Amino acid sequence: MEVTAVTRNCRMSAQKGRPLAREVQGLSVADALKIVEFSPRKAATILSATLKSAVANAKNNENLDVDSLKVKLSVFDEGARMRRFWPRARGSASPIKKRLCHCKVVLTDGQ
């Protein structure tokens, strides 16, 4: 049985979250939460919230045992980009792309 949780439109580039997401894949939920809890990265708070949401989905919607869950997939995907402009000399402007990302976590009970 697989359970998913997705956090959309996080104000961070996906590139910054991918190393932490790779580190958590394949671990049990308890170990993954420990790693995320002690990480100083901004991605850790987003990944922690998504992991806890996936655990709540597994517990309440699917009636799965939380202790037996493992992180099957943990991904930070690109989201939309907010386009802004930075004023430059002589009335011109330089574009700025403020990136957003989506965090997806898939948990499995190993059956």
PDB file of N, CA and C in Angstrom:
ATOM      1  N   MET A   1       0.849  -1.184   0.000  1.00  0.00           N
ATOM      2  CA  MET A   1       0.000   0.000   0.000  1.00  0.00           C
ATOM      3  C   MET A   1       0.885   1.234   0.000  1.00  0.00           C
ATOM      4  N   GLU A   2       0.577   2.184  -0.839  1.00  0.00           N
ATOM      5  CA  GLU A   2       1.347   3.420  -0.921  1.00  0.00           C
ATOM      6  C   GLU A   2       0.476   4.607  -0.549  1.00  0.00           C
ATOM      7  N   VAL A   3       1.087   5.555   0.149  1.00  0.00           N
ATOM      8  CA  VAL A   3       0.401   6.768   0.572  1.00  0.00           C
ATOM      9  C   VAL A   3       1.253   7.949   0.144  1.00  0.00           C
ATOM     10  N   THR A   4       0.616   8.983  -0.402  1.00  0.00           N
ATOM     11  CA  THR A   4       1.365  10.152  -0.863  1.00  0.00           C
ATOM     12  C   THR A   4       0.918  11.412  -0.137  1.00  0.00           C
ATOM     13  N   ALA A   5       1.815  12.391  -0.143  1.00  0.00           N
ATOM     14  CA  ALA A   5       1.502  13.740   0.325  1.00  0.00           C
ATOM     15  C   ALA A   5       2.309  14.705  -0.530  1.00  0.00           C
ATOM     16  N   VAL A   6       1.694  15.805  -0.923  1.00  0.00           N
ATOM     17  CA  VAL A   6       2.351  16.787  -1.781  1.00  0.00           C
ATOM     18  C   VAL A   6       2.178  18.174  -1.176  1.00  0.00           C
ATOM     19  N   THR A   7       3.273  18.902  -1.084  1.00  0.00           N
ATOM     20  CA  THR A   7       3.241  20.307  -0.686  1.00  0.00           C
ATOM     21  C   THR A   7       3.572  21.122  -1.927  1.00  0.00           C
ATOM     22  N   ARG A   8       2.676  21.989  -2.319  1.00  0.00           N
ATOM     23  CA  ARG A   8       2.846  22.726  -3.569  1.00  0.00           C
ATOM     24  C   ARG A   8       3.219  24.187  -3.329  1.00  0.00           C
ATOM     25  N   ASN A   9       3.938  24.738  -4.321  1.00  0.00           N
ATOM     26  CA  ASN A   9       4.285  26.156  -4.380  1.00  0.00           C
ATOM     27  C   ASN A   9       5.037  26.649  -3.145  1.00  0.00           C
ATOM     28  N   CYS A  10       6.089  25.944  -2.787  1.00  0.00           N
ATOM     29  CA  CYS A  10       6.972  26.369  -1.705  1.00  0.00           C
ATOM     30  C   CYS A  10       7.938  27.418  -2.252  1.00  0.00           C
ATOM     31  N   ARG A  11       8.199  28.440  -1.519  1.00  0.00           N
ATOM     32  CA  ARG A  11       9.016  29.550  -1.979  1.00  0.00           C
ATOM     33  C   ARG A  11      10.503  29.229  -1.805  1.00  0.00           C
ATOM     34  N   MET A  12      10.991  28.310  -2.656  1.00  0.00           N
ATOM     35  CA  MET A  12      12.381  27.869  -2.617  1.00  0.00           C
ATOM     36  C   MET A  12      12.659  27.169  -3.935  1.00  0.00           C
ATOM     37  N   SER A  13      13.902  27.199  -4.397  1.00  0.00           N
ATOM     38  CA  SER A  13      14.200  26.474  -5.632  1.00  0.00           C
ATOM     39  C   SER A  13      14.320  24.986  -5.321  1.00  0.00           C
ATOM     40  N   ALA A  14      13.925  24.169  -6.266  1.00  0.00           N
ATOM     41  CA  ALA A  14      13.940  22.719  -6.081  1.00  0.00           C
ATOM     42  C   ALA A  14      15.367  22.191  -5.936  1.00  0.00           C
ATOM     43  N   GLN A  15      16.306  22.873  -6.545  1.00  0.00           N
ATOM     44  CA  GLN A  15      17.709  22.459  -6.511  1.00  0.00           C
ATOM     45  C   GLN A  15      18.245  22.410  -5.079  1.00  0.00           C
ATOM     46  N   LYS A  16      17.755  23.286  -4.221  1.00  0.00           N
ATOM     47  CA  LYS A  16      18.232  23.346  -2.838  1.00  0.00           C
ATOM     48  C   LYS A  16      17.661  22.221  -1.978  1.00  0.00           C
ATOM     49  N   GLY A  17      16.533  21.652  -2.373  1.00  0.00           N
ATOM     50  CA  GLY A  17      15.914  20.607  -1.583  1.00  0.00           C
ATOM     51  C   GLY A  17      16.272  19.194  -2.000  1.00  0.00           C
ATOM     52  N   ARG A  18      16.765  19.024  -3.220  1.00  0.00           N
ATOM     53  CA  ARG A  18      17.011  17.678  -3.737  1.00  0.00           C
ATOM     54  C   ARG A  18      18.039  16.867  -2.957  1.00  0.00           C
ATOM     55  N   PRO A  19      19.160  17.441  -2.496  1.00  0.00           N
ATOM     56  CA  PRO A  19      20.104  16.607  -1.724  1.00  0.00           C
ATOM     57  C   PRO A  19      19.492  16.015  -0.455  1.00  0.00           C
ATOM     58  N   LEU A  20      18.685  16.790   0.244  1.00  0.00           N
ATOM     59  CA  LEU A  20      18.036  16.298   1.463  1.00  0.00           C
ATOM     60  C   LEU A  20      16.983  15.242   1.127  1.00  0.00           C
ATOM     61  N   ALA A  21      16.278  15.416   0.028  1.00  0.00           N
ATOM     62  CA  ALA A  21      15.271  14.439  -0.382  1.00  0.00           C
ATOM     63  C   ALA A  21      15.914  13.097  -0.733  1.00  0.00           C
ATOM     64  N   ARG A  22      17.073  13.143  -1.396  1.00  0.00           N
ATOM     65  CA  ARG A  22      17.786  11.899  -1.733  1.00  0.00           C
ATOM     66  C   ARG A  22      18.293  11.194  -0.480  1.00  0.00           C
ATOM     67  N   GLU A  23      18.689  11.966   0.509  1.00  0.00           N
ATOM     68  CA  GLU A  23      19.232  11.405   1.745  1.00  0.00           C
ATOM     69  C   GLU A  23      18.173  10.632   2.526  1.00  0.00           C
ATOM     70  N   VAL A  24      16.921  11.044   2.411  1.00  0.00           N
ATOM     71  CA  VAL A  24      15.829  10.467   3.193  1.00  0.00           C
ATOM     72  C   VAL A  24      15.233   9.225   2.532  1.00  0.00           C
ATOM     73  N   GLN A  25      15.381   9.087   1.218  1.00  0.00           N
ATOM     74  CA  GLN A  25      14.767   7.971   0.490  1.00  0.00           C
ATOM     75  C   GLN A  25      15.254   6.622   0.997  1.00  0.00           C
ATOM     76  N   GLY A  26      14.328   5.696   1.152  1.00  0.00           N
ATOM     77  CA  GLY A  26      14.658   4.343   1.558  1.00  0.00           C
ATOM     78  C   GLY A  26      14.736   4.127   3.056  1.00  0.00           C
ATOM     79  N   LEU A  27      14.623   5.180   3.844  1.00  0.00           N
ATOM     80  CA  LEU A  27      14.695   5.060   5.297  1.00  0.00           C
ATOM     81  C   LEU A  27      13.305   4.859   5.890  1.00  0.00           C
ATOM     82  N   SER A  28      13.273   4.417   7.135  1.00  0.00           N
ATOM     83  CA  SER A  28      11.997   4.358   7.845  1.00  0.00           C
ATOM     84  C   SER A  28      11.569   5.785   8.174  1.00  0.00           C
ATOM     85  N   VAL A  29      10.308   5.957   8.477  1.00  0.00           N
ATOM     86  CA  VAL A  29       9.771   7.293   8.735  1.00  0.00           C
ATOM     87  C   VAL A  29      10.429   7.923   9.964  1.00  0.00           C
ATOM     88  N   ALA A  30      10.662   7.137  10.999  1.00  0.00           N
ATOM     89  CA  ALA A  30      11.282   7.668  12.213  1.00  0.00           C
ATOM     90  C   ALA A  30      12.693   8.173  11.933  1.00  0.00           C
ATOM     91  N   ASP A  31      13.490   7.390  11.169  1.00  0.00           N
ATOM     92  CA  ASP A  31      14.847   7.815  10.835  1.00  0.00           C
ATOM     93  C   ASP A  31      14.840   9.051   9.936  1.00  0.00           C
ATOM     94  N   ALA A  32      13.904   9.094   8.996  1.00  0.00           N
ATOM     95  CA  ALA A  32      13.807  10.242   8.091  1.00  0.00           C
ATOM     96  C   ALA A  32      13.463  11.514   8.862  1.00  0.00           C
ATOM     97  N   LEU A  33      12.549  11.409   9.805  1.00  0.00           N
ATOM     98  CA  LEU A  33      12.181  12.586  10.603  1.00  0.00           C
ATOM     99  C   LEU A  33      13.334  13.061  11.475  1.00  0.00           C
ATOM    100  N   LYS A  34      14.158  12.130  11.974  1.00  0.00           N
ATOM    101  CA  LYS A  34      15.328  12.522  12.766  1.00  0.00           C
ATOM    102  C   LYS A  34      16.331  13.291  11.911  1.00  0.00           C
ATOM    103  N   ILE A  35      16.586  12.804  10.705  1.00  0.00           N
ATOM    104  CA  ILE A  35      17.531  13.474   9.811  1.00  0.00           C
ATOM    105  C   ILE A  35      17.025  14.868   9.461  1.00  0.00           C
ATOM    106  N   VAL A  36      15.745  14.967   9.154  1.00  0.00           N
ATOM    107  CA  VAL A  36      15.168  16.248   8.757  1.00  0.00           C
ATOM    108  C   VAL A  36      15.137  17.227   9.928  1.00  0.00           C
ATOM    109  N   GLU A  37      14.896  16.705  11.116  1.00  0.00           N
ATOM    110  CA  GLU A  37      14.792  17.571  12.302  1.00  0.00           C
ATOM    111  C   GLU A  37      16.100  18.295  12.603  1.00  0.00           C
ATOM    112  N   PHE A  38      17.221  17.624  12.384  1.00  0.00           N
ATOM    113  CA  PHE A  38      18.508  18.224  12.741  1.00  0.00           C
ATOM    114  C   PHE A  38      19.227  18.863  11.562  1.00  0.00           C
ATOM    115  N   SER A  39      18.571  18.968  10.429  1.00  0.00           N
ATOM    116  CA  SER A  39      19.170  19.621   9.268  1.00  0.00           C
ATOM    117  C   SER A  39      18.928  21.132   9.343  1.00  0.00           C
ATOM    118  N   PRO A  40      19.951  21.951   9.061  1.00  0.00           N
ATOM    119  CA  PRO A  40      19.775  23.406   9.144  1.00  0.00           C
ATOM    120  C   PRO A  40      19.151  24.016   7.888  1.00  0.00           C
ATOM    121  N   ARG A  41      18.893  23.226   6.865  1.00  0.00           N
ATOM    122  CA  ARG A  41      18.399  23.749   5.591  1.00  0.00           C
ATOM    123  C   ARG A  41      16.926  24.175   5.668  1.00  0.00           C
ATOM    124  N   LYS A  42      16.560  25.108   4.795  1.00  0.00           N
ATOM    125  CA  LYS A  42      15.168  25.538   4.708  1.00  0.00           C
ATOM    126  C   LYS A  42      14.297  24.405   4.182  1.00  0.00           C
ATOM    127  N   ALA A  43      14.864  23.567   3.322  1.00  0.00           N
ATOM    128  CA  ALA A  43      14.125  22.447   2.751  1.00  0.00           C
ATOM    129  C   ALA A  43      13.700  21.453   3.826  1.00  0.00           C
ATOM    130  N   ALA A  44      14.405  21.431   4.944  1.00  0.00           N
ATOM    131  CA  ALA A  44      14.096  20.483   6.014  1.00  0.00           C
ATOM    132  C   ALA A  44      12.719  20.753   6.608  1.00  0.00           C
ATOM    133  N   THR A  45      12.338  22.006   6.767  1.00  0.00           N
ATOM    134  CA  THR A  45      11.023  22.318   7.331  1.00  0.00           C
ATOM    135  C   THR A  45       9.904  21.910   6.371  1.00  0.00           C
ATOM    136  N   ILE A  46      10.134  22.130   5.082  1.00  0.00           N
ATOM    137  CA  ILE A  46       9.137  21.749   4.075  1.00  0.00           C
ATOM    138  C   ILE A  46       8.998  20.238   4.007  1.00  0.00           C
ATOM    139  N   LEU A  47      10.141  19.537   3.982  1.00  0.00           N
ATOM    140  CA  LEU A  47      10.125  18.075   3.908  1.00  0.00           C
ATOM    141  C   LEU A  47       9.532  17.469   5.172  1.00  0.00           C
ATOM    142  N   SER A  48       9.804  18.068   6.318  1.00  0.00           N
ATOM    143  CA  SER A  48       9.249  17.580   7.581  1.00  0.00           C
ATOM    144  C   SER A  48       7.729  17.674   7.582  1.00  0.00           C
ATOM    145  N   ALA A  49       7.212  18.797   7.137  1.00  0.00           N
ATOM    146  CA  ALA A  49       5.756  18.977   7.095  1.00  0.00           C
ATOM    147  C   ALA A  49       5.110  17.989   6.130  1.00  0.00           C
ATOM    148  N   THR A  50       5.747  17.746   4.992  1.00  0.00           N
ATOM    149  CA  THR A  50       5.197  16.815   4.011  1.00  0.00           C
ATOM    150  C   THR A  50       5.254  15.382   4.530  1.00  0.00           C
ATOM    151  N   LEU A  51       6.346  15.025   5.206  1.00  0.00           N
ATOM    152  CA  LEU A  51       6.460  13.686   5.803  1.00  0.00           C
ATOM    153  C   LEU A  51       5.374  13.461   6.856  1.00  0.00           C
ATOM    154  N   LYS A  52       5.176  14.445   7.718  1.00  0.00           N
ATOM    155  CA  LYS A  52       4.159  14.320   8.765  1.00  0.00           C
ATOM    156  C   LYS A  52       2.759  14.228   8.164  1.00  0.00           C
ATOM    157  N   SER A  53       2.530  14.941   7.078  1.00  0.00           N
ATOM    158  CA  SER A  53       1.237  14.870   6.392  1.00  0.00           C
ATOM    159  C   SER A  53       1.019  13.485   5.793  1.00  0.00           C
ATOM    160  N   ALA A  54       2.077  12.916   5.193  1.00  0.00           N
ATOM    161  CA  ALA A  54       1.963  11.574   4.618  1.00  0.00           C
ATOM    162  C   ALA A  54       1.703  10.530   5.706  1.00  0.00           C
ATOM    163  N   VAL A  55       2.340  10.681   6.857  1.00  0.00           N
ATOM    164  CA  VAL A  55       2.112   9.762   7.978  1.00  0.00           C
ATOM    165  C   VAL A  55       0.672   9.877   8.468  1.00  0.00           C
ATOM    166  N   ALA A  56       0.160  11.102   8.562  1.00  0.00           N
ATOM    167  CA  ALA A  56      -1.229  11.300   8.986  1.00  0.00           C
ATOM    168  C   ALA A  56      -2.201  10.697   7.971  1.00  0.00           C
ATOM    169  N   ASN A  57      -1.880  10.830   6.675  1.00  0.00           N
ATOM    170  CA  ASN A  57      -2.725  10.224   5.649  1.00  0.00           C
ATOM    171  C   ASN A  57      -2.743   8.699   5.786  1.00  0.00           C
ATOM    172  N   ALA A  58      -1.576   8.124   6.044  1.00  0.00           N
ATOM    173  CA  ALA A  58      -1.485   6.671   6.193  1.00  0.00           C
ATOM    174  C   ALA A  58      -2.264   6.189   7.414  1.00  0.00           C
ATOM    175  N   LYS A  59      -2.155   6.937   8.488  1.00  0.00           N
ATOM    176  CA  LYS A  59      -2.799   6.531   9.748  1.00  0.00           C
ATOM    177  C   LYS A  59      -4.319   6.698   9.679  1.00  0.00           C
ATOM    178  N   ASN A  60      -4.779   7.855   9.207  1.00  0.00           N
ATOM    179  CA  ASN A  60      -6.209   8.166   9.254  1.00  0.00           C
ATOM    180  C   ASN A  60      -6.993   7.638   8.060  1.00  0.00           C
ATOM    181  N   ASN A  61      -6.413   7.698   6.860  1.00  0.00           N
ATOM    182  CA  ASN A  61      -7.172   7.308   5.667  1.00  0.00           C
ATOM    183  C   ASN A  61      -7.036   5.824   5.337  1.00  0.00           C
ATOM    184  N   GLU A  62      -5.840   5.262   5.552  1.00  0.00           N
ATOM    185  CA  GLU A  62      -5.584   3.882   5.138  1.00  0.00           C
ATOM    186  C   GLU A  62      -5.469   2.907   6.303  1.00  0.00           C
ATOM    187  N   ASN A  63      -5.484   3.388   7.545  1.00  0.00           N
ATOM    188  CA  ASN A  63      -5.363   2.567   8.756  1.00  0.00           C
ATOM    189  C   ASN A  63      -4.103   1.705   8.749  1.00  0.00           C
ATOM    190  N   LEU A  64      -2.974   2.290   8.342  1.00  0.00           N
ATOM    191  CA  LEU A  64      -1.707   1.566   8.317  1.00  0.00           C
ATOM    192  C   LEU A  64      -0.949   1.775   9.616  1.00  0.00           C
ATOM    193  N   ASP A  65      -0.070   0.825   9.933  1.00  0.00           N
ATOM    194  CA  ASP A  65       0.782   0.932  11.116  1.00  0.00           C
ATOM    195  C   ASP A  65       1.922   1.901  10.805  1.00  0.00           C
ATOM    196  N   VAL A  66       2.047   2.958  11.591  1.00  0.00           N
ATOM    197  CA  VAL A  66       3.028   4.017  11.332  1.00  0.00           C
ATOM    198  C   VAL A  66       4.458   3.510  11.507  1.00  0.00           C
ATOM    199  N   ASP A  67       4.667   2.559  12.401  1.00  0.00           N
ATOM    200  CA  ASP A  67       6.026   2.072  12.685  1.00  0.00           C
ATOM    201  C   ASP A  67       6.620   1.276  11.520  1.00  0.00           C
ATOM    202  N   SER A  68       5.782   0.724  10.668  1.00  0.00           N
ATOM    203  CA  SER A  68       6.288  -0.110   9.575  1.00  0.00           C
ATOM    204  C   SER A  68       6.460   0.655   8.265  1.00  0.00           C
ATOM    205  N   LEU A  69       6.183   1.948   8.264  1.00  0.00           N
ATOM    206  CA  LEU A  69       6.252   2.730   7.026  1.00  0.00           C
ATOM    207  C   LEU A  69       7.682   3.091   6.651  1.00  0.00           C
ATOM    208  N   LYS A  70       7.959   3.089   5.350  1.00  0.00           N
ATOM    209  CA  LYS A  70       9.251   3.505   4.809  1.00  0.00           C
ATOM    210  C   LYS A  70       9.026   4.559   3.737  1.00  0.00           C
ATOM    211  N   VAL A  71      10.034   5.406   3.537  1.00  0.00           N
ATOM    212  CA  VAL A  71       9.962   6.438   2.507  1.00  0.00           C
ATOM    213  C   VAL A  71      10.367   5.802   1.183  1.00  0.00           C
ATOM    214  N   LYS A  72       9.403   5.621   0.298  1.00  0.00           N
ATOM    215  CA  LYS A  72       9.690   5.013  -0.998  1.00  0.00           C
ATOM    216  C   LYS A  72      10.247   6.058  -1.956  1.00  0.00           C
ATOM    217  N   LEU A  73       9.659   7.250  -1.950  1.00  0.00           N
ATOM    218  CA  LEU A  73      10.043   8.297  -2.883  1.00  0.00           C
ATOM    219  C   LEU A  73       9.965   9.645  -2.192  1.00  0.00           C
ATOM    220  N   SER A  74      10.963  10.454  -2.392  1.00  0.00           N
ATOM    221  CA  SER A  74      10.986  11.807  -1.865  1.00  0.00           C
ATOM    222  C   SER A  74      11.590  12.706  -2.934  1.00  0.00           C
ATOM    223  N   VAL A  75      10.803  13.666  -3.426  1.00  0.00           N
ATOM    224  CA  VAL A  75      11.202  14.438  -4.594  1.00  0.00           C
ATOM    225  C   VAL A  75      10.867  15.910  -4.414  1.00  0.00           C
ATOM    226  N   PHE A  76      11.763  16.771  -4.879  1.00  0.00           N
ATOM    227  CA  PHE A  76      11.478  18.198  -5.023  1.00  0.00           C
ATOM    228  C   PHE A  76      11.428  18.490  -6.512  1.00  0.00           C
ATOM    229  N   ASP A  77      10.260  18.889  -7.009  1.00  0.00           N
ATOM    230  CA  ASP A  77      10.072  19.197  -8.420  1.00  0.00           C
ATOM    231  C   ASP A  77       9.971  20.704  -8.621  1.00  0.00           C
ATOM    232  N   GLU A  78      10.292  21.123  -9.850  1.00  0.00           N
ATOM    233  CA  GLU A  78      10.168  22.532 -10.202  1.00  0.00           C
ATOM    234  C   GLU A  78       8.701  22.945 -10.198  1.00  0.00           C
ATOM    235  N   GLY A  79       8.443  24.144  -9.728  1.00  0.00           N
ATOM    236  CA  GLY A  79       7.104  24.708  -9.797  1.00  0.00           C
ATOM    237  C   GLY A  79       7.107  25.875 -10.773  1.00  0.00           C
ATOM    238  N   ALA A  80       6.158  26.755 -10.634  1.00  0.00           N
ATOM    239  CA  ALA A  80       6.100  27.939 -11.483  1.00  0.00           C
ATOM    240  C   ALA A  80       7.207  28.912 -11.069  1.00  0.00           C
ATOM    241  N   ARG A  81       7.393  29.931 -11.882  1.00  0.00           N
ATOM    242  CA  ARG A  81       8.366  30.969 -11.537  1.00  0.00           C
ATOM    243  C   ARG A  81       7.642  32.310 -11.496  1.00  0.00           C
ATOM    244  N   MET A  82       7.896  33.050 -10.431  1.00  0.00           N
ATOM    245  CA  MET A  82       7.355  34.409 -10.369  1.00  0.00           C
ATOM    246  C   MET A  82       8.340  35.319 -11.098  1.00  0.00           C
ATOM    247  N   ARG A  83       7.841  36.051 -12.062  1.00  0.00           N
ATOM    248  CA  ARG A  83       8.710  36.939 -12.830  1.00  0.00           C
ATOM    249  C   ARG A  83       8.638  38.341 -12.244  1.00  0.00           C
ATOM    250  N   ARG A  84       9.799  38.861 -11.881  1.00  0.00           N
ATOM    251  CA  ARG A  84       9.929  40.215 -11.346  1.00  0.00           C
ATOM    252  C   ARG A  84      10.994  40.941 -12.155  1.00  0.00           C
ATOM    253  N   PHE A  85      11.073  42.238 -11.973  1.00  0.00           N
ATOM    254  CA  PHE A  85      12.073  43.018 -12.697  1.00  0.00           C
ATOM    255  C   PHE A  85      12.846  43.908 -11.741  1.00  0.00           C
ATOM    256  N   TRP A  86      14.137  44.057 -12.013  1.00  0.00           N
ATOM    257  CA  TRP A  86      15.046  44.856 -11.214  1.00  0.00           C
ATOM    258  C   TRP A  86      15.416  46.081 -12.048  1.00  0.00           C
ATOM    259  N   PRO A  87      15.160  47.283 -11.527  1.00  0.00           N
ATOM    260  CA  PRO A  87      15.457  48.479 -12.315  1.00  0.00           C
ATOM    261  C   PRO A  87      16.959  48.663 -12.532  1.00  0.00           C
ATOM    262  N   ARG A  88      17.315  49.049 -13.745  1.00  0.00           N
ATOM    263  CA  ARG A  88      18.711  49.272 -14.110  1.00  0.00           C
ATOM    264  C   ARG A  88      18.904  50.693 -14.641  1.00  0.00           C
ATOM    265  N   ALA A  89      20.082  50.954 -15.107  1.00  0.00           N
ATOM    266  CA  ALA A  89      20.422  52.297 -15.574  1.00  0.00           C
ATOM    267  C   ALA A  89      19.629  52.675 -16.836  1.00  0.00           C
ATOM    268  N   ARG A  90      19.364  53.941 -16.975  1.00  0.00           N
ATOM    269  CA  ARG A  90      18.724  54.540 -18.150  1.00  0.00           C
ATOM    270  C   ARG A  90      17.348  53.947 -18.465  1.00  0.00           C
ATOM    271  N   GLY A  91      16.587  53.619 -17.438  1.00  0.00           N
ATOM    272  CA  GLY A  91      15.210  53.171 -17.621  1.00  0.00           C
ATOM    273  C   GLY A  91      15.038  51.738 -18.077  1.00  0.00           C
ATOM    274  N   SER A  92      16.119  50.969 -18.101  1.00  0.00           N
ATOM    275  CA  SER A  92      15.983  49.561 -18.496  1.00  0.00           C
ATOM    276  C   SER A  92      15.714  48.704 -17.259  1.00  0.00           C
ATOM    277  N   ALA A  93      15.509  47.418 -17.463  1.00  0.00           N
ATOM    278  CA  ALA A  93      15.212  46.514 -16.347  1.00  0.00           C
ATOM    279  C   ALA A  93      15.814  45.147 -16.626  1.00  0.00           C
ATOM    280  N   SER A  94      16.224  44.459 -15.553  1.00  0.00           N
ATOM    281  CA  SER A  94      16.734  43.101 -15.654  1.00  0.00           C
ATOM    282  C   SER A  94      15.702  42.147 -15.047  1.00  0.00           C
ATOM    283  N   PRO A  95      15.445  41.028 -15.718  1.00  0.00           N
ATOM    284  CA  PRO A  95      14.447  40.090 -15.177  1.00  0.00           C
ATOM    285  C   PRO A  95      14.994  39.291 -13.994  1.00  0.00           C
ATOM    286  N   ILE A  96      14.113  38.969 -13.072  1.00  0.00           N
ATOM    287  CA  ILE A  96      14.434  38.110 -11.926  1.00  0.00           C
ATOM    288  C   ILE A  96      13.399  36.992 -11.923  1.00  0.00           C
ATOM    289  N   LYS A  97      13.858  35.756 -11.770  1.00  0.00           N
ATOM    290  CA  LYS A  97      12.954  34.611 -11.684  1.00  0.00           C
ATOM    291  C   LYS A  97      12.980  34.093 -10.252  1.00  0.00           C
ATOM    292  N   LYS A  98      11.883  34.272  -9.552  1.00  0.00           N
ATOM    293  CA  LYS A  98      11.771  33.753  -8.194  1.00  0.00           C
ATOM    294  C   LYS A  98      11.127  32.375  -8.300  1.00  0.00           C
ATOM    295  N   ARG A  99      11.875  31.351  -7.941  1.00  0.00           N
ATOM    296  CA  ARG A  99      11.461  29.974  -8.196  1.00  0.00           C
ATOM    297  C   ARG A  99      10.601  29.407  -7.068  1.00  0.00           C
ATOM    298  N   LEU A 100       9.699  28.535  -7.472  1.00  0.00           N
ATOM    299  CA  LEU A 100       8.845  27.804  -6.543  1.00  0.00           C
ATOM    300  C   LEU A 100       9.063  26.315  -6.774  1.00  0.00           C
ATOM    301  N   CYS A 101       8.717  25.499  -5.783  1.00  0.00           N
ATOM    302  CA  CYS A 101       8.900  24.060  -5.941  1.00  0.00           C
ATOM    303  C   CYS A 101       7.742  23.303  -5.308  1.00  0.00           C
ATOM    304  N   HIS A 102       7.631  22.038  -5.689  1.00  0.00           N
ATOM    305  CA  HIS A 102       6.654  21.120  -5.118  1.00  0.00           C
ATOM    306  C   HIS A 102       7.417  19.988  -4.440  1.00  0.00           C
ATOM    307  N   CYS A 103       7.022  19.633  -3.227  1.00  0.00           N
ATOM    308  CA  CYS A 103       7.652  18.537  -2.493  1.00  0.00           C
ATOM    309  C   CYS A 103       6.666  17.366  -2.450  1.00  0.00           C
ATOM    310  N   LYS A 104       7.117  16.199  -2.906  1.00  0.00           N
ATOM    311  CA  LYS A 104       6.267  15.006  -2.928  1.00  0.00           C
ATOM    312  C   LYS A 104       6.934  13.895  -2.145  1.00  0.00           C
ATOM    313  N   VAL A 105       6.168  13.246  -1.272  1.00  0.00           N
ATOM    314  CA  VAL A 105       6.655  12.122  -0.466  1.00  0.00           C
ATOM    315  C   VAL A 105       5.689  10.946  -0.655  1.00  0.00           C
ATOM    316  N   VAL A 106       6.258   9.777  -0.957  1.00  0.00           N
ATOM    317  CA  VAL A 106       5.468   8.552  -1.082  1.00  0.00           C
ATOM    318  C   VAL A 106       5.962   7.573  -0.017  1.00  0.00           C
ATOM    319  N   LEU A 107       5.051   7.117   0.824  1.00  0.00           N
ATOM    320  CA  LEU A 107       5.371   6.133   1.861  1.00  0.00           C
ATOM    321  C   LEU A 107       4.774   4.789   1.470  1.00  0.00           C
ATOM    322  N   THR A 108       5.464   3.720   1.853  1.00  0.00           N
ATOM    323  CA  THR A 108       4.970   2.374   1.598  1.00  0.00           C
ATOM    324  C   THR A 108       5.136   1.523   2.857  1.00  0.00           C
ATOM    325  N   ASP A 109       4.268   0.533   2.985  1.00  0.00           N
ATOM    326  CA  ASP A 109       4.369  -0.363   4.128  1.00  0.00           C
ATOM    327  C   ASP A 109       5.166  -1.615   3.791  1.00  0.00           C
ATOM    328  N   GLY A 110       5.702  -1.702   2.582  1.00  0.00           N
ATOM    329  CA  GLY A 110       6.586  -2.805   2.206  1.00  0.00           C
ATOM    330  C   GLY A 110       5.865  -4.067   1.767  1.00  0.00           C
ATOM    331  N   GLN A 111       4.595  -3.991   1.461  1.00  0.00           N
ATOM    332  CA  GLN A 111       3.853  -5.173   1.035  1.00  0.00           C
ATOM    333  C   GLN A 111       3.377  -5.039  -0.383  1.00  0.00           C
TER     334      GLN A 111
END
